[in-house]
C-alpha atoms as a PDB file:
ATOM      1  CA  MET A   1      16.591  -2.582   6.406  1.00  0.00           C
ATOM      2  CA  THR A   2      13.992  -4.676   8.300  1.00  0.00           C
ATOM      3  CA  VAL A   3      10.859  -3.410   9.931  1.00  0.00           C
ATOM      4  CA  GLN A   4       9.283  -6.437  11.634  1.00  0.00           C
ATOM      5  CA  ASN A   5       6.588  -7.333  14.169  1.00  0.00           C
ATOM      6  CA  ASN A   6       5.571  -3.702  14.998  1.00  0.00           C
ATOM      7  CA  TYR A   7       2.249  -2.234  15.916  1.00  0.00           C
ATOM      8  CA  ALA A   8       1.707   1.196  14.285  1.00  0.00           C
ATOM      9  CA  LEU A   9      -1.297   3.288  15.330  1.00  0.00           C
ATOM     10  CA  SER A  10      -2.463   6.579  13.870  1.00  0.00           C
ATOM     11  CA  SER A  11      -5.456   8.129  15.675  1.00  0.00           C
ATOM     12  CA  LEU A  12      -7.416  11.353  15.740  1.00  0.00           C
ATOM     13  CA  ASP A  13      -8.802  10.509  19.244  1.00  0.00           C
ATOM     14  CA  THR A  14      -7.478  13.118  21.651  1.00  0.00           C
ATOM     15  CA  THR A  15      -9.438  11.580  24.542  1.00  0.00           C
ATOM     16  CA  LYS A  16      -6.959   8.623  24.435  1.00  0.00           C
ATOM     17  CA  TYR A  17      -3.833  10.196  22.994  1.00  0.00           C
ATOM     18  CA  LEU A  18      -2.168  13.544  23.749  1.00  0.00           C
ATOM     19  CA  PHE A  19      -1.972  14.596  20.029  1.00  0.00           C
ATOM     20  CA  PRO A  20      -4.089  13.780  16.934  1.00  0.00           C
ATOM     21  CA  GLU A  21      -2.288  12.085  14.088  1.00  0.00           C
ATOM     22  CA  ASN A  22      -1.073  14.119  11.149  1.00  0.00           C
ATOM     23  CA  GLN A  23       0.734  11.626   8.913  1.00  0.00           C
ATOM     24  CA  GLU A  24       1.114  10.960   5.180  1.00  0.00           C
ATOM     25  CA  ASP A  25       2.294   7.322   5.249  1.00  0.00           C
ATOM     26  CA  SER A  26       2.713   5.117   8.238  1.00  0.00           C
ATOM     27  CA  ILE A  27       5.872   3.181   7.009  1.00  0.00           C
ATOM     28  CA  ASN A  28       7.644   4.795   4.091  1.00  0.00           C
ATOM     29  CA  PHE A  29      10.808   3.470   2.407  1.00  0.00           C
ATOM     30  CA  GLY A  30      12.879   5.714   0.027  1.00  0.00           C
ATOM     31  CA  PHE A  31      16.305   5.645  -1.472  1.00  0.00           C
ATOM     32  CA  THR A  32      17.246   2.295   0.029  1.00  0.00           C
ATOM     33  CA  ASN A  33      17.817  -1.281  -1.097  1.00  0.00           C
ATOM     34  CA  GLY A  34      16.901  -4.649   0.456  1.00  0.00           C
ATOM     35  CA  ILE A  35      13.811  -3.628   2.378  1.00  0.00           C
ATOM     36  CA  ILE A  36      11.773  -6.069   4.441  1.00  0.00           C
ATOM     37  CA  ALA A  37       8.468  -5.199   6.130  1.00  0.00           C
ATOM     38  CA  SER A  38       7.065  -8.247   7.737  1.00  0.00           C
ATOM     39  CA  GLY A  39       4.523  -9.127  10.385  1.00  0.00           C
ATOM     40  CA  ASN A  40       3.524  -5.565  11.092  1.00  0.00           C
ATOM     41  CA  TYR A  41       0.060  -4.479  12.213  1.00  0.00           C
ATOM     42  CA  VAL A  42      -0.659  -0.994  10.856  1.00  0.00           C
ATOM     43  CA  THR A  43      -3.893   0.804  11.581  1.00  0.00           C
ATOM     44  CA  GLY A  44      -5.224   4.307  11.211  1.00  0.00           C
ATOM     45  CA  GLY A  45      -4.538   7.137   8.854  1.00  0.00           C
ATOM     46  CA  HIS A  46      -6.595   9.776   7.162  1.00  0.00           C
ATOM     47  CA  SER A  47      -4.416  11.225   4.360  1.00  0.00           C
ATOM     48  CA  ASN A  48      -6.030  11.270   0.847  1.00  0.00           C
ATOM     49  CA  SER A  49      -2.643  10.439  -0.598  1.00  0.00           C
ATOM     50  CA  GLY A  50      -0.961   8.398   2.143  1.00  0.00           C
ATOM     51  CA  CYS A  51      -0.552   4.632   2.602  1.00  0.00           C
ATOM     52  CA  GLY A  52       0.105   2.106   5.402  1.00  0.00           C
ATOM     53  CA  ILE A  53       3.271   0.836   3.860  1.00  0.00           C
ATOM     54  CA  ILE A  54       4.881   2.235   0.706  1.00  0.00           C
ATOM     55  CA  THR A  55       8.038   2.095  -1.446  1.00  0.00           C
ATOM     56  CA  ASP A  56       8.815   5.651  -2.434  1.00  0.00           C
ATOM     57  CA  ASP A  57      11.429   7.141  -4.821  1.00  0.00           C
ATOM     58  CA  GLY A  58      14.447   4.954  -5.296  1.00  0.00           C
ATOM     59  CA  ALA A  59      13.341   2.107  -2.994  1.00  0.00           C
ATOM     60  CA  ASN A  60      14.419  -1.227  -4.422  1.00  0.00           C
ATOM     61  CA  SER A  61      14.201  -4.957  -3.631  1.00  0.00           C
ATOM     62  CA  ALA A  62      11.375  -4.438  -1.167  1.00  0.00           C
ATOM     63  CA  GLN A  63       9.574  -7.428   0.411  1.00  0.00           C
ATOM     64  CA  PHE A  64       6.249  -6.598   2.042  1.00  0.00           C
ATOM     65  CA  ARG A  65       5.174  -9.939   3.566  1.00  0.00           C
ATOM     66  CA  LEU A  66       2.549 -11.058   6.061  1.00  0.00           C
ATOM     67  CA  ASN A  67       1.508  -7.611   7.228  1.00  0.00           C
ATOM     68  CA  VAL A  68      -1.960  -6.612   8.414  1.00  0.00           C
ATOM     69  CA  LEU A  69      -3.227  -3.134   7.439  1.00  0.00           C
ATOM     70  CA  VAL A  70      -6.514  -1.729   8.661  1.00  0.00           C
ATOM     71  CA  ASP A  71      -8.060   1.618   7.606  1.00  0.00           C
ATOM     72  CA  THR A  72      -4.749   3.182   6.729  1.00  0.00           C
ATOM     73  CA  GLY A  73      -5.940   6.137   4.641  1.00  0.00           C
ATOM     74  CA  GLN A  74      -6.269   6.114   0.873  1.00  0.00           C
ATOM     75  CA  CYS A  75      -4.290   2.906   0.419  1.00  0.00           C
ATOM     76  CA  GLY A  76      -2.947  -0.085   2.272  1.00  0.00           C
ATOM     77  CA  ILE A  77       0.233  -0.928   0.347  1.00  0.00           C
ATOM     78  CA  GLY A  78       1.695   1.334  -2.371  1.00  0.00           C
ATOM     79  CA  ILE A  79       4.429   0.527  -4.755  1.00  0.00           C
ATOM     80  CA  ALA A  80       5.259   3.992  -6.028  1.00  0.00           C
ATOM     81  CA  ASP A  81       8.742   3.331  -7.456  1.00  0.00           C
ATOM     82  CA  GLY A  82      11.733   0.944  -7.417  1.00  0.00           C
ATOM     83  CA  THR A  83      12.731  -2.423  -8.815  1.00  0.00           C
ATOM     84  CA  ASN A  84      12.302  -6.011  -7.715  1.00  0.00           C
ATOM     85  CA  GLN A  85       9.426  -5.534  -5.383  1.00  0.00           C
ATOM     86  CA  VAL A  86       7.424  -8.383  -3.666  1.00  0.00           C
ATOM     87  CA  VAL A  87       4.020  -7.924  -2.026  1.00  0.00           C
ATOM     88  CA  ASP A  88       3.042 -11.331  -0.613  1.00  0.00           C
ATOM     89  CA  GLY A  89       0.694 -12.710   2.003  1.00  0.00           C
ATOM     90  CA  ASN A  90      -0.639  -9.402   3.336  1.00  0.00           C
ATOM     91  CA  LYS A  91      -4.160  -8.758   4.627  1.00  0.00           C
ATOM     92  CA  ILE A  92      -5.609  -5.286   3.947  1.00  0.00           C
ATOM     93  CA  LEU A  93      -8.965  -3.925   5.012  1.00  0.00           C
ATOM     94  CA  ASN A  94     -10.179  -0.371   4.360  1.00  0.00           C
ATOM     95  CA  THR A  95     -13.659   0.281   5.620  1.00  0.00           C
ATOM     96  CA  THR A  96     -13.178   4.028   6.138  1.00  0.00           C
ATOM     97  CA  PRO A  97     -12.637   5.609   2.621  1.00  0.00           C
ATOM     98  CA  VAL A  98     -10.916   8.964   2.640  1.00  0.00           C
ATOM     99  CA  SER A  99     -12.508  11.799   0.655  1.00  0.00           C
ATOM    100  CA  GLY A 100     -10.385  12.740  -2.321  1.00  0.00           C
ATOM    101  CA  GLY A 101      -8.277   9.572  -2.044  1.00  0.00           C
ATOM    102  CA  GLY A 102      -7.949   6.579  -4.346  1.00  0.00           C
ATOM    103  CA  ASN A 103      -9.128   4.228  -1.579  1.00  0.00           C
ATOM    104  CA  THR A 104      -7.245   1.259  -2.906  1.00  0.00           C
ATOM    105  CA  ALA A 105      -5.992  -1.775  -1.067  1.00  0.00           C
ATOM    106  CA  ILE A 106      -2.796  -2.215  -3.160  1.00  0.00           C
ATOM    107  CA  TYR A 107      -1.499  -0.008  -6.024  1.00  0.00           C
ATOM    108  CA  VAL A 108       1.516  -0.222  -8.258  1.00  0.00           C
ATOM    109  CA  ALA A 109       2.634   2.902 -10.207  1.00  0.00           C
ATOM    110  CA  LEU A 110       5.709   4.895 -10.974  1.00  0.00           C
ATOM    111  CA  TYR A 111       5.745   8.376  -9.404  1.00  0.00           C
ATOM    112  CA  GLY A 112       9.530   8.778  -9.123  1.00  0.00           C
ATOM    113  CA  SER A 113      12.241   9.232 -11.724  1.00  0.00           C
ATOM    114  CA  THR A 114      14.164   6.006 -11.087  1.00  0.00           C
ATOM    115  CA  PRO A 115      13.535   2.631 -12.796  1.00  0.00           C
ATOM    116  CA  CYS A 116      10.491   0.646 -11.785  1.00  0.00           C
ATOM    117  CA  GLY A 117       9.638  -3.107 -11.893  1.00  0.00           C
ATOM    118  CA  PRO A 118       9.345  -5.994 -11.892  1.00  0.00           C
ATOM    119  CA  VAL A 119       6.689  -6.211  -9.176  1.00  0.00           C
ATOM    120  CA  GLN A 120       5.214  -9.498  -7.857  1.00  0.00           C
ATOM    121  CA  VAL A 121       1.880  -9.366  -6.053  1.00  0.00           C
ATOM    122  CA  SER A 122       0.712 -12.693  -4.674  1.00  0.00           C
ATOM    123  CA  ASN A 123      -1.299 -14.428  -1.928  1.00  0.00           C
ATOM    124  CA  ASN A 124      -2.786 -11.218  -0.580  1.00  0.00           C
ATOM    125  CA  ILE A 125      -6.282 -10.809   0.868  1.00  0.00           C
ATOM    126  CA  ALA A 126      -7.588  -7.318   0.413  1.00  0.00           C
ATOM    127  CA  SER A 127     -10.846  -5.339   0.460  1.00  0.00           C
ATOM    128  CA  ALA A 128     -11.329  -1.621   0.066  1.00  0.00           C
ATOM    129  CA  LEU A 129     -14.318   0.628  -0.083  1.00  0.00           C
ATOM    130  CA  ARG A 130     -14.511   3.732  -2.247  1.00  0.00           C
ATOM    131  CA  HIS A 131     -15.738   6.967  -0.837  1.00  0.00           C
ATOM    132  CA  THR A 132     -19.008   6.181  -2.591  1.00  0.00           C
ATOM    133  CA  ASP A 133     -19.276   2.996  -0.368  1.00  0.00           C
ATOM    134  CA  ARG A 134     -18.948   0.612  -3.317  1.00  0.00           C
ATOM    135  CA  LEU A 135     -16.664  -2.364  -3.015  1.00  0.00           C
ATOM    136  CA  LEU A 136     -13.530  -1.881  -5.033  1.00  0.00           C
ATOM    137  CA  LEU A 137     -13.083  -5.122  -6.987  1.00  0.00           C
ATOM    138  CA  ARG A 138     -10.928  -3.950  -9.891  1.00  0.00           C
ATOM    139  CA  LEU A 139      -8.029  -5.863 -11.226  1.00  0.00           C
ATOM    140  CA  ALA A 140      -6.312  -3.525 -13.584  1.00  0.00           C
ATOM    141  CA  LEU A 141      -4.202  -4.637 -16.557  1.00  0.00           C
ATOM    142  CA  ALA A 142      -0.746  -4.067 -15.206  1.00  0.00           C
ATOM    143  CA  ARG A 143       2.607  -5.606 -15.534  1.00  0.00           C
ATOM    144  CA  LEU A 144       2.324  -7.670 -12.395  1.00  0.00           C
ATOM    145  CA  THR A 145       2.398 -11.320 -11.401  1.00  0.00           C
ATOM    146  CA  PHE A 146      -0.846 -12.413  -9.625  1.00  0.00           C
ATOM    147  CA  SER A 147      -1.373 -15.795  -8.042  1.00  0.00           C
ATOM    148  CA  ARG A 148      -3.883 -17.299  -5.605  1.00  0.00           C
ATOM    149  CA  MET A 149      -5.594 -13.915  -4.921  1.00  0.00           C
ATOM    150  CA  SER A 150      -8.715 -13.519  -2.923  1.00  0.00           C
ATOM    151  CA  LEU A 151     -11.804 -12.500  -4.874  1.00  0.00           C
ATOM    152  CA  ALA A 152     -11.859  -9.335  -2.772  1.00  0.00           C
ATOM    153  CA  PHE A 153      -8.408  -8.401  -3.887  1.00  0.00           C
ATOM    154  CA  ALA A 154      -8.108  -4.854  -5.114  1.00  0.00           C
ATOM    155  CA  VAL A 155      -5.436  -3.336  -7.264  1.00  0.00           C
ATOM    156  CA  GLN A 156      -5.678   0.019  -8.905  1.00  0.00           C
ATOM    157  CA  ILE A 157      -3.419   1.306 -11.755  1.00  0.00           C
ATOM    158  CA  LYS A 158      -4.318   4.760 -12.970  1.00  0.00           C
ATOM    159  CA  GLY A 159      -3.185   6.081 -16.351  1.00  0.00           C
ATOM    160  CA  LEU A 160      -3.716   9.660 -15.400  1.00  0.00           C
ATOM    161  CA  GLY A 161      -0.315  11.030 -14.572  1.00  0.00           C
ATOM    162  CA  TRP A 162       1.089   7.626 -13.495  1.00  0.00           C
ATOM    163  CA  ARG A 163       3.621   5.629 -15.451  1.00  0.00           C
ATOM    164  CA  LEU A 164       3.375   1.847 -15.138  1.00  0.00           C
ATOM    165  CA  CYS A 165       6.204  -0.400 -13.944  1.00  0.00           C
ATOM    166  CA  PRO A 166       7.595  -2.900 -16.514  1.00  0.00           C
ATOM    167  CA  TRP A 167       6.260  -6.393 -16.773  1.00  0.00           C
ATOM    168  CA  ILE A 168       7.985  -9.317 -15.053  1.00  0.00           C
END
């Protein structure tokens, strides 16, 4: 499945749009193999548990490449499950932290019951603010491959209730 070169907008502004947004994730992949999300511009989102682009339960061999995500809720890109994932060359900016959310540019965790990992995260530029307005500059010890990352790159791996994906 390929989702490419799209503009996805989520807005609460009812002066411009007939209905306010009420979304969890903007682009969500689950129970599928061979996913490509490339060249998409995703903006908006206010969920404290939603992401701009995410692999959900049973999503394998995902490639998230060259996407731009702006203020997409509590995270830009989430790898929540699956095997053989690649997150490469994306640009993520979150200047509107969501109360009660993790407010993370990119996260890798295992929420589902299917196998997880390996995950490659490379060449991304990302910046996210916490709800407390502090810049999130945390590189967690995770089983990931990182290369040529921006200094503002943010990855969050939580041990509370999350299981980590295997190393590459």
